[in-house]
């Protein structure tokens, strides 16, 4: 019986360690500005109307409110590479990031303050 509990505890430990590698990281405007947006996976989760008001070069637009959002993102991006994501101010991108981590994306970087702050930063 002791062996059974020991094995169970070990399995739980290993599975929790594996999940810790998958996480959402907030990235500051300053850190993001150092990246080449043409060389990273960059996702804009705003609506098409918001996108028409401006966007970050190199981005792919997939509306968070689209009923097939997760499917479209999964088909467009490599889950094993970092994914950088933004919305207008940060609320939707955080929700989107959580959904994407749940379906297997290894790491998602959420632009702090979203496009609104980026527009003022640049």
PDB file of N, CA and C in Angstrom:
ATOM      1  N   UNK A   1       0.815  -1.190   0.000  1.00  0.00           N
ATOM      2  CA  UNK A   1       0.000   0.000   0.000  1.00  0.00           C
ATOM      3  C   UNK A   1       0.861   1.257   0.000  1.00  0.00           C
ATOM      4  N   UNK A   2       1.963   1.223   0.757  1.00  0.00           N
ATOM      5  CA  UNK A   2       2.860   2.369   0.812  1.00  0.00           C
ATOM      6  C   UNK A   2       3.477   2.623  -0.562  1.00  0.00           C
ATOM      7  N   UNK A   3       3.796   1.541  -1.272  1.00  0.00           N
ATOM      8  CA  UNK A   3       4.372   1.684  -2.619  1.00  0.00           C
ATOM      9  C   UNK A   3       3.376   2.355  -3.549  1.00  0.00           C
ATOM     10  N   UNK A   4       2.109   1.968  -3.427  1.00  0.00           N
ATOM     11  CA  UNK A   4       1.067   2.556  -4.268  1.00  0.00           C
ATOM     12  C   UNK A   4       0.991   4.072  -4.054  1.00  0.00           C
ATOM     13  N   UNK A   5       0.960   4.518  -2.806  1.00  0.00           N
ATOM     14  CA  UNK A   5       0.896   5.948  -2.510  1.00  0.00           C
ATOM     15  C   UNK A   5       2.151   6.676  -2.969  1.00  0.00           C
ATOM     16  N   UNK A   6       3.294   6.036  -2.810  1.00  0.00           N
ATOM     17  CA  UNK A   6       4.552   6.627  -3.256  1.00  0.00           C
ATOM     18  C   UNK A   6       4.532   6.840  -4.774  1.00  0.00           C
ATOM     19  N   UNK A   7       4.092   5.826  -5.499  1.00  0.00           N
ATOM     20  CA  UNK A   7       4.020   5.935  -6.963  1.00  0.00           C
ATOM     21  C   UNK A   7       3.008   7.001  -7.360  1.00  0.00           C
ATOM     22  N   UNK A   8       1.889   7.051  -6.700  1.00  0.00           N
ATOM     23  CA  UNK A   8       0.865   8.056  -6.988  1.00  0.00           C
ATOM     24  C   UNK A   8       1.399   9.467  -6.761  1.00  0.00           C
ATOM     25  N   UNK A   9       2.089   9.666  -5.666  1.00  0.00           N
ATOM     26  CA  UNK A   9       2.678  10.978  -5.358  1.00  0.00           C
ATOM     27  C   UNK A   9       3.725  11.353  -6.412  1.00  0.00           C
ATOM     28  N   UNK A  10       4.529  10.414  -6.813  1.00  0.00           N
ATOM     29  CA  UNK A  10       5.561  10.680  -7.830  1.00  0.00           C
ATOM     30  C   UNK A  10       4.931  11.055  -9.165  1.00  0.00           C
ATOM     31  N   UNK A  11       3.881  10.341  -9.574  1.00  0.00           N
ATOM     32  CA  UNK A  11       3.203  10.646 -10.831  1.00  0.00           C
ATOM     33  C   UNK A  11       2.591  12.042 -10.797  1.00  0.00           C
ATOM     34  N   UNK A  12       1.979  12.393  -9.693  1.00  0.00           N
ATOM     35  CA  UNK A  12       1.393  13.737  -9.553  1.00  0.00           C
ATOM     36  C   UNK A  12       2.474  14.806  -9.608  1.00  0.00           C
ATOM     37  N   UNK A  13       3.604  14.538  -9.009  1.00  0.00           N
ATOM     38  CA  UNK A  13       4.710  15.496  -9.018  1.00  0.00           C
ATOM     39  C   UNK A  13       5.218  15.737 -10.428  1.00  0.00           C
ATOM     40  N   UNK A  14       5.393  14.650 -11.182  1.00  0.00           N
ATOM     41  CA  UNK A  14       5.889  14.780 -12.550  1.00  0.00           C
ATOM     42  C   UNK A  14       4.895  15.503 -13.441  1.00  0.00           C
ATOM     43  N   UNK A  15       3.616  15.215 -13.287  1.00  0.00           N
ATOM     44  CA  UNK A  15       2.630  15.871 -14.139  1.00  0.00           C
ATOM     45  C   UNK A  15       2.522  17.357 -13.813  1.00  0.00           C
ATOM     46  N   UNK A  16       2.661  17.739 -12.554  1.00  0.00           N
ATOM     47  CA  UNK A  16       2.593  19.162 -12.213  1.00  0.00           C
ATOM     48  C   UNK A  16       3.829  19.889 -12.714  1.00  0.00           C
ATOM     49  N   UNK A  17       4.976  19.234 -12.733  1.00  0.00           N
ATOM     50  CA  UNK A  17       6.191  19.856 -13.274  1.00  0.00           C
ATOM     51  C   UNK A  17       6.051  20.096 -14.764  1.00  0.00           C
ATOM     52  N   UNK A  18       5.446  19.156 -15.472  1.00  0.00           N
ATOM     53  CA  UNK A  18       5.267  19.307 -16.917  1.00  0.00           C
ATOM     54  C   UNK A  18       4.346  20.473 -17.217  1.00  0.00           C
ATOM     55  N   UNK A  19       3.326  20.682 -16.399  1.00  0.00           N
ATOM     56  CA  UNK A  19       2.396  21.767 -16.647  1.00  0.00           C
ATOM     57  C   UNK A  19       3.007  23.128 -16.319  1.00  0.00           C
ATOM     58  N   UNK A  20       3.969  23.181 -15.422  1.00  0.00           N
ATOM     59  CA  UNK A  20       4.579  24.448 -15.050  1.00  0.00           C
ATOM     60  C   UNK A  20       5.345  25.081 -16.205  1.00  0.00           C
ATOM     61  N   UNK A  21       5.813  24.279 -17.163  1.00  0.00           N
ATOM     62  CA  UNK A  21       6.553  24.847 -18.279  1.00  0.00           C
ATOM     63  C   UNK A  21       5.632  25.613 -19.220  1.00  0.00           C
ATOM     64  N   UNK A  22       4.344  25.295 -19.179  1.00  0.00           N
ATOM     65  CA  UNK A  22       3.379  25.990 -20.025  1.00  0.00           C
ATOM     66  C   UNK A  22       2.759  27.111 -19.217  1.00  0.00           C
ATOM     67  N   UNK A  23       3.068  28.344 -19.601  1.00  0.00           N
ATOM     68  CA  UNK A  23       2.493  29.442 -18.845  1.00  0.00           C
ATOM     69  C   UNK A  23       2.376  30.706 -19.673  1.00  0.00           C
ATOM     70  N   UNK A  24       1.626  31.613 -19.123  1.00  0.00           N
ATOM     71  CA  UNK A  24       1.427  32.925 -19.734  1.00  0.00           C
ATOM     72  C   UNK A  24       2.396  33.881 -19.074  1.00  0.00           C
ATOM     73  N   UNK A  25       3.070  34.649 -19.887  1.00  0.00           N
ATOM     74  CA  UNK A  25       3.999  35.644 -19.355  1.00  0.00           C
ATOM     75  C   UNK A  25       3.585  37.013 -19.878  1.00  0.00           C
ATOM     76  N   UNK A  26       3.488  37.969 -18.978  1.00  0.00           N
ATOM     77  CA  UNK A  26       3.253  39.349 -19.414  1.00  0.00           C
ATOM     78  C   UNK A  26       4.565  39.897 -19.942  1.00  0.00           C
ATOM     79  N   UNK A  27       4.511  40.551 -21.066  1.00  0.00           N
ATOM     80  CA  UNK A  27       5.710  41.159 -21.627  1.00  0.00           C
ATOM     81  C   UNK A  27       5.489  42.673 -21.684  1.00  0.00           C
ATOM     82  N   UNK A  28       6.469  43.406 -21.201  1.00  0.00           N
ATOM     83  CA  UNK A  28       6.348  44.870 -21.159  1.00  0.00           C
ATOM     84  C   UNK A  28       6.496  45.460 -22.557  1.00  0.00           C
ATOM     85  N   UNK A  29       6.064  46.675 -22.693  1.00  0.00           N
ATOM     86  CA  UNK A  29       6.205  47.396 -23.959  1.00  0.00           C
ATOM     87  C   UNK A  29       7.692  47.503 -24.346  1.00  0.00           C
ATOM     88  N   UNK A  30       8.532  47.747 -23.354  1.00  0.00           N
ATOM     89  CA  UNK A  30       9.975  47.896 -23.600  1.00  0.00           C
ATOM     90  C   UNK A  30      10.589  46.591 -24.103  1.00  0.00           C
ATOM     91  N   UNK A  31      10.230  45.480 -23.462  1.00  0.00           N
ATOM     92  CA  UNK A  31      10.743  44.170 -23.887  1.00  0.00           C
ATOM     93  C   UNK A  31      10.242  43.828 -25.285  1.00  0.00           C
ATOM     94  N   UNK A  32       8.965  44.100 -25.539  1.00  0.00           N
ATOM     95  CA  UNK A  32       8.363  43.790 -26.832  1.00  0.00           C
ATOM     96  C   UNK A  32       9.013  44.610 -27.949  1.00  0.00           C
ATOM     97  N   UNK A  33       9.362  45.857 -27.662  1.00  0.00           N
ATOM     98  CA  UNK A  33       9.964  46.740 -28.665  1.00  0.00           C
ATOM     99  C   UNK A  33      11.314  46.211 -29.158  1.00  0.00           C
ATOM    100  N   UNK A  34      11.965  45.372 -28.377  1.00  0.00           N
ATOM    101  CA  UNK A  34      13.265  44.807 -28.760  1.00  0.00           C
ATOM    102  C   UNK A  34      13.136  43.645 -29.740  1.00  0.00           C
ATOM    103  N   UNK A  35      11.929  43.132 -29.912  1.00  0.00           N
ATOM    104  CA  UNK A  35      11.702  41.980 -30.781  1.00  0.00           C
ATOM    105  C   UNK A  35      11.459  42.417 -32.222  1.00  0.00           C
ATOM    106  N   UNK A  36      11.827  41.560 -33.150  1.00  0.00           N
ATOM    107  CA  UNK A  36      11.482  41.777 -34.552  1.00  0.00           C
ATOM    108  C   UNK A  36      10.129  41.116 -34.776  1.00  0.00           C
ATOM    109  N   UNK A  37       9.086  41.919 -34.999  1.00  0.00           N
ATOM    110  CA  UNK A  37       7.737  41.362 -35.109  1.00  0.00           C
ATOM    111  C   UNK A  37       7.563  40.519 -36.371  1.00  0.00           C
ATOM    112  N   UNK A  38       8.492  40.610 -37.294  1.00  0.00           N
ATOM    113  CA  UNK A  38       8.424  39.769 -38.497  1.00  0.00           C
ATOM    114  C   UNK A  38       9.006  38.380 -38.240  1.00  0.00           C
ATOM    115  N   UNK A  39       9.692  38.202 -37.121  1.00  0.00           N
ATOM    116  CA  UNK A  39      10.363  36.931 -36.847  1.00  0.00           C
ATOM    117  C   UNK A  39       9.715  36.134 -35.712  1.00  0.00           C
ATOM    118  N   UNK A  40       8.640  36.643 -35.154  1.00  0.00           N
ATOM    119  CA  UNK A  40       7.959  35.945 -34.057  1.00  0.00           C
ATOM    120  C   UNK A  40       6.549  35.577 -34.499  1.00  0.00           C
ATOM    121  N   UNK A  41       5.923  34.690 -33.746  1.00  0.00           N
ATOM    122  CA  UNK A  41       4.509  34.392 -33.953  1.00  0.00           C
ATOM    123  C   UNK A  41       3.729  35.465 -33.209  1.00  0.00           C
ATOM    124  N   UNK A  42       2.989  36.277 -33.939  1.00  0.00           N
ATOM    125  CA  UNK A  42       2.302  37.421 -33.338  1.00  0.00           C
ATOM    126  C   UNK A  42       0.822  37.373 -33.677  1.00  0.00           C
ATOM    127  N   UNK A  43      -0.002  37.370 -32.654  1.00  0.00           N
ATOM    128  CA  UNK A  43      -1.447  37.230 -32.804  1.00  0.00           C
ATOM    129  C   UNK A  43      -2.180  38.435 -32.236  1.00  0.00           C
ATOM    130  N   UNK A  44      -3.034  39.018 -33.060  1.00  0.00           N
ATOM    131  CA  UNK A  44      -3.923  40.107 -32.657  1.00  0.00           C
ATOM    132  C   UNK A  44      -5.307  39.494 -32.477  1.00  0.00           C
ATOM    133  N   UNK A  45      -5.884  39.592 -31.290  1.00  0.00           N
ATOM    134  CA  UNK A  45      -7.176  38.965 -31.014  1.00  0.00           C
ATOM    135  C   UNK A  45      -8.332  39.965 -31.014  1.00  0.00           C
ATOM    136  N   UNK A  46      -8.086  41.159 -31.533  1.00  0.00           N
ATOM    137  CA  UNK A  46      -9.143  42.175 -31.574  1.00  0.00           C
ATOM    138  C   UNK A  46     -10.123  41.889 -32.713  1.00  0.00           C
ATOM    139  N   UNK A  47     -11.144  42.705 -32.792  1.00  0.00           N
ATOM    140  CA  UNK A  47     -12.140  42.582 -33.865  1.00  0.00           C
ATOM    141  C   UNK A  47     -11.578  43.193 -35.148  1.00  0.00           C
ATOM    142  N   UNK A  48     -12.136  42.843 -36.302  1.00  0.00           N
ATOM    143  CA  UNK A  48     -11.687  43.461 -37.551  1.00  0.00           C
ATOM    144  C   UNK A  48     -11.831  44.990 -37.544  1.00  0.00           C
ATOM    145  N   UNK A  49     -12.863  45.493 -36.876  1.00  0.00           N
ATOM    146  CA  UNK A  49     -13.062  46.944 -36.796  1.00  0.00           C
ATOM    147  C   UNK A  49     -11.922  47.599 -36.012  1.00  0.00           C
ATOM    148  N   UNK A  50     -11.514  46.986 -34.930  1.00  0.00           N
ATOM    149  CA  UNK A  50     -10.397  47.511 -34.143  1.00  0.00           C
ATOM    150  C   UNK A  50      -9.101  47.433 -34.944  1.00  0.00           C
ATOM    151  N   UNK A  51      -8.925  46.337 -35.655  1.00  0.00           N
ATOM    152  CA  UNK A  51      -7.720  46.116 -36.467  1.00  0.00           C
ATOM    153  C   UNK A  51      -7.565  47.204 -37.530  1.00  0.00           C
ATOM    154  N   UNK A  52      -8.677  47.634 -38.120  1.00  0.00           N
ATOM    155  CA  UNK A  52      -8.651  48.675 -39.153  1.00  0.00           C
ATOM    156  C   UNK A  52      -8.137  50.001 -38.611  1.00  0.00           C
ATOM    157  N   UNK A  53      -8.192  50.207 -37.309  1.00  0.00           N
ATOM    158  CA  UNK A  53      -7.714  51.446 -36.697  1.00  0.00           C
ATOM    159  C   UNK A  53      -6.208  51.422 -36.462  1.00  0.00           C
ATOM    160  N   UNK A  54      -5.575  50.300 -36.758  1.00  0.00           N
ATOM    161  CA  UNK A  54      -4.133  50.170 -36.601  1.00  0.00           C
ATOM    162  C   UNK A  54      -3.768  48.810 -36.045  1.00  0.00           C
ATOM    163  N   UNK A  55      -2.545  48.387 -36.335  1.00  0.00           N
ATOM    164  CA  UNK A  55      -2.074  47.079 -35.886  1.00  0.00           C
ATOM    165  C   UNK A  55      -0.554  47.086 -35.842  1.00  0.00           C
ATOM    166  N   UNK A  56       0.009  46.062 -35.232  1.00  0.00           N
ATOM    167  CA  UNK A  56       1.456  45.910 -35.158  1.00  0.00           C
ATOM    168  C   UNK A  56       1.900  45.110 -36.378  1.00  0.00           C
ATOM    169  N   UNK A  57       2.910  45.592 -37.040  1.00  0.00           N
ATOM    170  CA  UNK A  57       3.411  44.947 -38.249  1.00  0.00           C
ATOM    171  C   UNK A  57       3.799  43.484 -37.966  1.00  0.00           C
ATOM    172  N   UNK A  58       3.419  42.609 -38.877  1.00  0.00           N
ATOM    173  CA  UNK A  58       3.763  41.197 -38.751  1.00  0.00           C
ATOM    174  C   UNK A  58       2.729  40.360 -38.031  1.00  0.00           C
ATOM    175  N   UNK A  59       1.616  40.970 -37.657  1.00  0.00           N
ATOM    176  CA  UNK A  59       0.598  40.264 -36.878  1.00  0.00           C
ATOM    177  C   UNK A  59      -0.371  39.480 -37.753  1.00  0.00           C
ATOM    178  N   UNK A  60      -0.993  38.485 -37.148  1.00  0.00           N
ATOM    179  CA  UNK A  60      -2.099  37.756 -37.757  1.00  0.00           C
ATOM    180  C   UNK A  60      -3.328  38.066 -36.917  1.00  0.00           C
ATOM    181  N   UNK A  61      -4.399  38.469 -37.579  1.00  0.00           N
ATOM    182  CA  UNK A  61      -5.644  38.795 -36.880  1.00  0.00           C
ATOM    183  C   UNK A  61      -6.541  37.569 -36.812  1.00  0.00           C
ATOM    184  N   UNK A  62      -6.901  37.177 -35.609  1.00  0.00           N
ATOM    185  CA  UNK A  62      -7.932  36.160 -35.385  1.00  0.00           C
ATOM    186  C   UNK A  62      -8.792  36.671 -34.234  1.00  0.00           C
ATOM    187  N   UNK A  63     -10.007  37.028 -34.558  1.00  0.00           N
ATOM    188  CA  UNK A  63     -10.942  37.635 -33.613  1.00  0.00           C
ATOM    189  C   UNK A  63     -11.247  36.686 -32.450  1.00  0.00           C
ATOM    190  N   UNK A  64     -10.996  37.132 -31.241  1.00  0.00           N
ATOM    191  CA  UNK A  64     -11.267  36.329 -30.042  1.00  0.00           C
ATOM    192  C   UNK A  64     -12.726  35.898 -29.965  1.00  0.00           C
ATOM    193  N   UNK A  65     -13.629  36.718 -30.488  1.00  0.00           N
ATOM    194  CA  UNK A  65     -15.060  36.427 -30.410  1.00  0.00           C
ATOM    195  C   UNK A  65     -15.538  35.463 -31.497  1.00  0.00           C
ATOM    196  N   UNK A  66     -14.648  35.052 -32.393  1.00  0.00           N
ATOM    197  CA  UNK A  66     -14.982  34.081 -33.427  1.00  0.00           C
ATOM    198  C   UNK A  66     -15.261  32.728 -32.762  1.00  0.00           C
ATOM    199  N   UNK A  67     -16.333  32.077 -33.153  1.00  0.00           N
ATOM    200  CA  UNK A  67     -16.691  30.799 -32.521  1.00  0.00           C
ATOM    201  C   UNK A  67     -15.628  29.716 -32.751  1.00  0.00           C
ATOM    202  N   UNK A  68     -14.809  29.864 -33.757  1.00  0.00           N
ATOM    203  CA  UNK A  68     -13.745  28.900 -34.049  1.00  0.00           C
ATOM    204  C   UNK A  68     -12.363  29.451 -33.698  1.00  0.00           C
ATOM    205  N   UNK A  69     -12.311  30.364 -32.745  1.00  0.00           N
ATOM    206  CA  UNK A  69     -11.063  31.039 -32.393  1.00  0.00           C
ATOM    207  C   UNK A  69      -9.920  30.061 -32.117  1.00  0.00           C
ATOM    208  N   UNK A  70     -10.113  29.140 -31.203  1.00  0.00           N
ATOM    209  CA  UNK A  70      -9.044  28.214 -30.800  1.00  0.00           C
ATOM    210  C   UNK A  70      -8.608  27.352 -31.983  1.00  0.00           C
ATOM    211  N   UNK A  71      -9.553  26.877 -32.756  1.00  0.00           N
ATOM    212  CA  UNK A  71      -9.237  26.049 -33.923  1.00  0.00           C
ATOM    213  C   UNK A  71      -8.409  26.826 -34.938  1.00  0.00           C
ATOM    214  N   UNK A  72      -8.798  28.058 -35.202  1.00  0.00           N
ATOM    215  CA  UNK A  72      -8.068  28.880 -36.169  1.00  0.00           C
ATOM    216  C   UNK A  72      -6.656  29.194 -35.690  1.00  0.00           C
ATOM    217  N   UNK A  73      -6.514  29.514 -34.414  1.00  0.00           N
ATOM    218  CA  UNK A  73      -5.179  29.804 -33.870  1.00  0.00           C
ATOM    219  C   UNK A  73      -4.307  28.556 -33.929  1.00  0.00           C
ATOM    220  N   UNK A  74      -4.870  27.424 -33.542  1.00  0.00           N
ATOM    221  CA  UNK A  74      -4.118  26.166 -33.555  1.00  0.00           C
ATOM    222  C   UNK A  74      -3.656  25.795 -34.958  1.00  0.00           C
ATOM    223  N   UNK A  75      -4.461  26.113 -35.963  1.00  0.00           N
ATOM    224  CA  UNK A  75      -4.104  25.814 -37.351  1.00  0.00           C
ATOM    225  C   UNK A  75      -3.083  26.808 -37.910  1.00  0.00           C
ATOM    226  N   UNK A  76      -3.009  27.998 -37.332  1.00  0.00           N
ATOM    227  CA  UNK A  76      -2.147  29.056 -37.870  1.00  0.00           C
ATOM    228  C   UNK A  76      -0.788  29.159 -37.207  1.00  0.00           C
ATOM    229  N   UNK A  77      -0.647  28.641 -35.996  1.00  0.00           N
ATOM    230  CA  UNK A  77       0.586  28.829 -35.231  1.00  0.00           C
ATOM    231  C   UNK A  77       1.134  27.509 -34.704  1.00  0.00           C
ATOM    232  N   UNK A  78       2.446  27.464 -34.524  1.00  0.00           N
ATOM    233  CA  UNK A  78       3.138  26.306 -33.965  1.00  0.00           C
ATOM    234  C   UNK A  78       3.021  26.356 -32.443  1.00  0.00           C
ATOM    235  N   UNK A  79       2.420  25.332 -31.854  1.00  0.00           N
ATOM    236  CA  UNK A  79       2.202  25.295 -30.403  1.00  0.00           C
ATOM    237  C   UNK A  79       3.500  25.185 -29.614  1.00  0.00           C
ATOM    238  N   UNK A  80       4.568  24.735 -30.264  1.00  0.00           N
ATOM    239  CA  UNK A  80       5.845  24.530 -29.578  1.00  0.00           C
ATOM    240  C   UNK A  80       6.736  25.766 -29.571  1.00  0.00           C
ATOM    241  N   UNK A  81       6.341  26.799 -30.295  1.00  0.00           N
ATOM    242  CA  UNK A  81       7.110  28.044 -30.331  1.00  0.00           C
ATOM    243  C   UNK A  81       6.380  29.117 -29.532  1.00  0.00           C
ATOM    244  N   UNK A  82       7.112  30.061 -28.975  1.00  0.00           N
ATOM    245  CA  UNK A  82       6.444  31.141 -28.231  1.00  0.00           C
ATOM    246  C   UNK A  82       5.443  31.896 -29.115  1.00  0.00           C
ATOM    247  N   UNK A  83       4.313  32.213 -28.531  1.00  0.00           N
ATOM    248  CA  UNK A  83       3.277  32.973 -29.217  1.00  0.00           C
ATOM    249  C   UNK A  83       3.095  34.295 -28.485  1.00  0.00           C
ATOM    250  N   UNK A  84       3.208  35.395 -29.219  1.00  0.00           N
ATOM    251  CA  UNK A  84       3.010  36.724 -28.657  1.00  0.00           C
ATOM    252  C   UNK A  84       1.610  37.165 -29.053  1.00  0.00           C
ATOM    253  N   UNK A  85       0.884  37.718 -28.091  1.00  0.00           N
ATOM    254  CA  UNK A  85      -0.531  37.983 -28.280  1.00  0.00           C
ATOM    255  C   UNK A  85      -0.892  39.359 -27.709  1.00  0.00           C
ATOM    256  N   UNK A  86      -1.824  40.028 -28.366  1.00  0.00           N
ATOM    257  CA  UNK A  86      -2.302  41.309 -27.830  1.00  0.00           C
ATOM    258  C   UNK A  86      -3.739  41.569 -28.251  1.00  0.00           C
ATOM    259  N   UNK A  87      -4.395  42.449 -27.497  1.00  0.00           N
ATOM    260  CA  UNK A  87      -5.736  42.938 -27.826  1.00  0.00           C
ATOM    261  C   UNK A  87      -5.701  44.449 -27.663  1.00  0.00           C
ATOM    262  N   UNK A  88      -6.807  45.051 -27.327  1.00  0.00           N
ATOM    263  CA  UNK A  88      -6.839  46.509 -27.179  1.00  0.00           C
ATOM    264  C   UNK A  88      -6.105  46.961 -25.916  1.00  0.00           C
ATOM    265  N   UNK A  89      -6.467  46.388 -24.756  1.00  0.00           N
ATOM    266  CA  UNK A  89      -5.840  46.829 -23.504  1.00  0.00           C
ATOM    267  C   UNK A  89      -5.334  45.695 -22.612  1.00  0.00           C
ATOM    268  N   UNK A  90      -5.622  44.445 -22.946  1.00  0.00           N
ATOM    269  CA  UNK A  90      -5.070  43.331 -22.184  1.00  0.00           C
ATOM    270  C   UNK A  90      -6.062  42.326 -21.631  1.00  0.00           C
ATOM    271  N   UNK A  91      -7.328  42.638 -21.597  1.00  0.00           N
ATOM    272  CA  UNK A  91      -8.313  41.715 -21.035  1.00  0.00           C
ATOM    273  C   UNK A  91      -8.567  40.503 -21.910  1.00  0.00           C
ATOM    274  N   UNK A  92      -8.893  40.738 -23.165  1.00  0.00           N
ATOM    275  CA  UNK A  92      -9.164  39.622 -24.078  1.00  0.00           C
ATOM    276  C   UNK A  92      -7.931  38.782 -24.336  1.00  0.00           C
ATOM    277  N   UNK A  93      -6.777  39.427 -24.451  1.00  0.00           N
ATOM    278  CA  UNK A  93      -5.563  38.657 -24.728  1.00  0.00           C
ATOM    279  C   UNK A  93      -5.238  37.717 -23.572  1.00  0.00           C
ATOM    280  N   UNK A  94      -5.524  38.134 -22.342  1.00  0.00           N
ATOM    281  CA  UNK A  94      -5.300  37.252 -21.204  1.00  0.00           C
ATOM    282  C   UNK A  94      -6.244  36.056 -21.251  1.00  0.00           C
ATOM    283  N   UNK A  95      -7.505  36.301 -21.559  1.00  0.00           N
ATOM    284  CA  UNK A  95      -8.474  35.208 -21.678  1.00  0.00           C
ATOM    285  C   UNK A  95      -8.083  34.273 -22.825  1.00  0.00           C
ATOM    286  N   UNK A  96      -7.674  34.858 -23.939  1.00  0.00           N
ATOM    287  CA  UNK A  96      -7.255  34.060 -25.091  1.00  0.00           C
ATOM    288  C   UNK A  96      -6.021  33.233 -24.749  1.00  0.00           C
ATOM    289  N   UNK A  97      -5.071  33.838 -24.064  1.00  0.00           N
ATOM    290  CA  UNK A  97      -3.844  33.132 -23.682  1.00  0.00           C
ATOM    291  C   UNK A  97      -4.167  31.924 -22.814  1.00  0.00           C
ATOM    292  N   UNK A  98      -5.079  32.076 -21.874  1.00  0.00           N
ATOM    293  CA  UNK A  98      -5.460  30.958 -21.010  1.00  0.00           C
ATOM    294  C   UNK A  98      -6.085  29.821 -21.821  1.00  0.00           C
ATOM    295  N   UNK A  99      -6.925  30.174 -22.794  1.00  0.00           N
ATOM    296  CA  UNK A  99      -7.530  29.151 -23.654  1.00  0.00           C
ATOM    297  C   UNK A  99      -6.453  28.421 -24.461  1.00  0.00           C
ATOM    298  N   UNK A 100      -5.477  29.169 -24.961  1.00  0.00           N
ATOM    299  CA  UNK A 100      -4.451  28.569 -25.810  1.00  0.00           C
ATOM    300  C   UNK A 100      -3.491  27.688 -25.018  1.00  0.00           C
ATOM    301  N   UNK A 101      -3.161  28.084 -23.817  1.00  0.00           N
ATOM    302  CA  UNK A 101      -2.334  27.240 -22.949  1.00  0.00           C
ATOM    303  C   UNK A 101      -3.084  25.938 -22.662  1.00  0.00           C
ATOM    304  N   UNK A 102      -4.389  26.039 -22.445  1.00  0.00           N
ATOM    305  CA  UNK A 102      -5.211  24.862 -22.132  1.00  0.00           C
ATOM    306  C   UNK A 102      -5.257  23.856 -23.282  1.00  0.00           C
ATOM    307  N   UNK A 103      -5.083  24.331 -24.525  1.00  0.00           N
ATOM    308  CA  UNK A 103      -5.121  23.409 -25.672  1.00  0.00           C
ATOM    309  C   UNK A 103      -3.725  23.010 -26.144  1.00  0.00           C
ATOM    310  N   UNK A 104      -2.698  23.375 -25.368  1.00  0.00           N
ATOM    311  CA  UNK A 104      -1.379  22.837 -25.673  1.00  0.00           C
ATOM    312  C   UNK A 104      -0.291  23.794 -26.112  1.00  0.00           C
ATOM    313  N   UNK A 105      -0.547  25.090 -26.173  1.00  0.00           N
ATOM    314  CA  UNK A 105       0.532  26.020 -26.499  1.00  0.00           C
ATOM    315  C   UNK A 105       1.511  26.048 -25.332  1.00  0.00           C
ATOM    316  N   UNK A 106       2.808  25.957 -25.641  1.00  0.00           N
ATOM    317  CA  UNK A 106       3.833  25.872 -24.592  1.00  0.00           C
ATOM    318  C   UNK A 106       4.012  27.176 -23.832  1.00  0.00           C
ATOM    319  N   UNK A 107       4.115  28.288 -24.547  1.00  0.00           N
ATOM    320  CA  UNK A 107       4.293  29.573 -23.866  1.00  0.00           C
ATOM    321  C   UNK A 107       3.644  30.685 -24.678  1.00  0.00           C
ATOM    322  N   UNK A 108       2.928  31.523 -23.953  1.00  0.00           N
ATOM    323  CA  UNK A 108       2.230  32.647 -24.563  1.00  0.00           C
ATOM    324  C   UNK A 108       2.682  33.914 -23.853  1.00  0.00           C
ATOM    325  N   UNK A 109       3.103  34.891 -24.630  1.00  0.00           N
ATOM    326  CA  UNK A 109       3.524  36.189 -24.108  1.00  0.00           C
ATOM    327  C   UNK A 109       2.420  37.194 -24.397  1.00  0.00           C
ATOM    328  N   UNK A 110       1.863  37.778 -23.352  1.00  0.00           N
ATOM    329  CA  UNK A 110       0.750  38.719 -23.444  1.00  0.00           C
ATOM    330  C   UNK A 110       1.291  40.134 -23.305  1.00  0.00           C
ATOM    331  N   UNK A 111       1.101  40.948 -24.339  1.00  0.00           N
ATOM    332  CA  UNK A 111       1.618  42.322 -24.349  1.00  0.00           C
ATOM    333  C   UNK A 111       0.869  43.175 -23.329  1.00  0.00           C
ATOM    334  N   UNK A 112       1.574  43.601 -22.306  1.00  0.00           N
ATOM    335  CA  UNK A 112       0.983  44.384 -21.223  1.00  0.00           C
ATOM    336  C   UNK A 112       0.442  45.713 -21.761  1.00  0.00           C
ATOM    337  N   UNK A 113      -0.831  45.973 -21.502  1.00  0.00           N
ATOM    338  CA  UNK A 113      -1.450  47.214 -21.952  1.00  0.00           C
ATOM    339  C   UNK A 113      -1.984  47.165 -23.368  1.00  0.00           C
ATOM    340  N   UNK A 114      -1.705  46.080 -24.075  1.00  0.00           N
ATOM    341  CA  UNK A 114      -2.244  45.874 -25.415  1.00  0.00           C
ATOM    342  C   UNK A 114      -1.838  46.912 -26.442  1.00  0.00           C
ATOM    343  N   UNK A 115      -2.623  46.956 -27.524  1.00  0.00           N
ATOM    344  CA  UNK A 115      -2.311  47.852 -28.640  1.00  0.00           C
ATOM    345  C   UNK A 115      -2.443  49.316 -28.254  1.00  0.00           C
ATOM    346  N   UNK A 116      -3.381  49.640 -27.376  1.00  0.00           N
ATOM    347  CA  UNK A 116      -3.570  51.034 -26.963  1.00  0.00           C
ATOM    348  C   UNK A 116      -2.290  51.589 -26.355  1.00  0.00           C
ATOM    349  N   UNK A 117      -1.690  50.837 -25.462  1.00  0.00           N
ATOM    350  CA  UNK A 117      -0.443  51.274 -24.846  1.00  0.00           C
ATOM    351  C   UNK A 117       0.712  51.255 -25.851  1.00  0.00           C
ATOM    352  N   UNK A 118       0.725  50.258 -26.746  1.00  0.00           N
ATOM    353  CA  UNK A 118       1.764  50.156 -27.760  1.00  0.00           C
ATOM    354  C   UNK A 118       1.733  51.381 -28.682  1.00  0.00           C
ATOM    355  N   UNK A 119       0.552  51.779 -29.069  1.00  0.00           N
ATOM    356  CA  UNK A 119       0.382  52.929 -29.967  1.00  0.00           C
ATOM    357  C   UNK A 119       0.965  54.187 -29.309  1.00  0.00           C
ATOM    358  N   UNK A 120       0.760  54.342 -28.032  1.00  0.00           N
ATOM    359  CA  UNK A 120       1.282  55.490 -27.292  1.00  0.00           C
ATOM    360  C   UNK A 120       2.770  55.343 -26.976  1.00  0.00           C
ATOM    361  N   UNK A 121       3.235  54.088 -26.881  1.00  0.00           N
ATOM    362  CA  UNK A 121       4.644  53.816 -26.584  1.00  0.00           C
ATOM    363  C   UNK A 121       5.535  54.158 -27.775  1.00  0.00           C
ATOM    364  N   UNK A 122       5.089  53.770 -28.952  1.00  0.00           N
ATOM    365  CA  UNK A 122       5.866  53.998 -30.165  1.00  0.00           C
ATOM    366  C   UNK A 122       5.812  55.455 -30.498  1.00  0.00           C
TER     367      UNK A 122
END
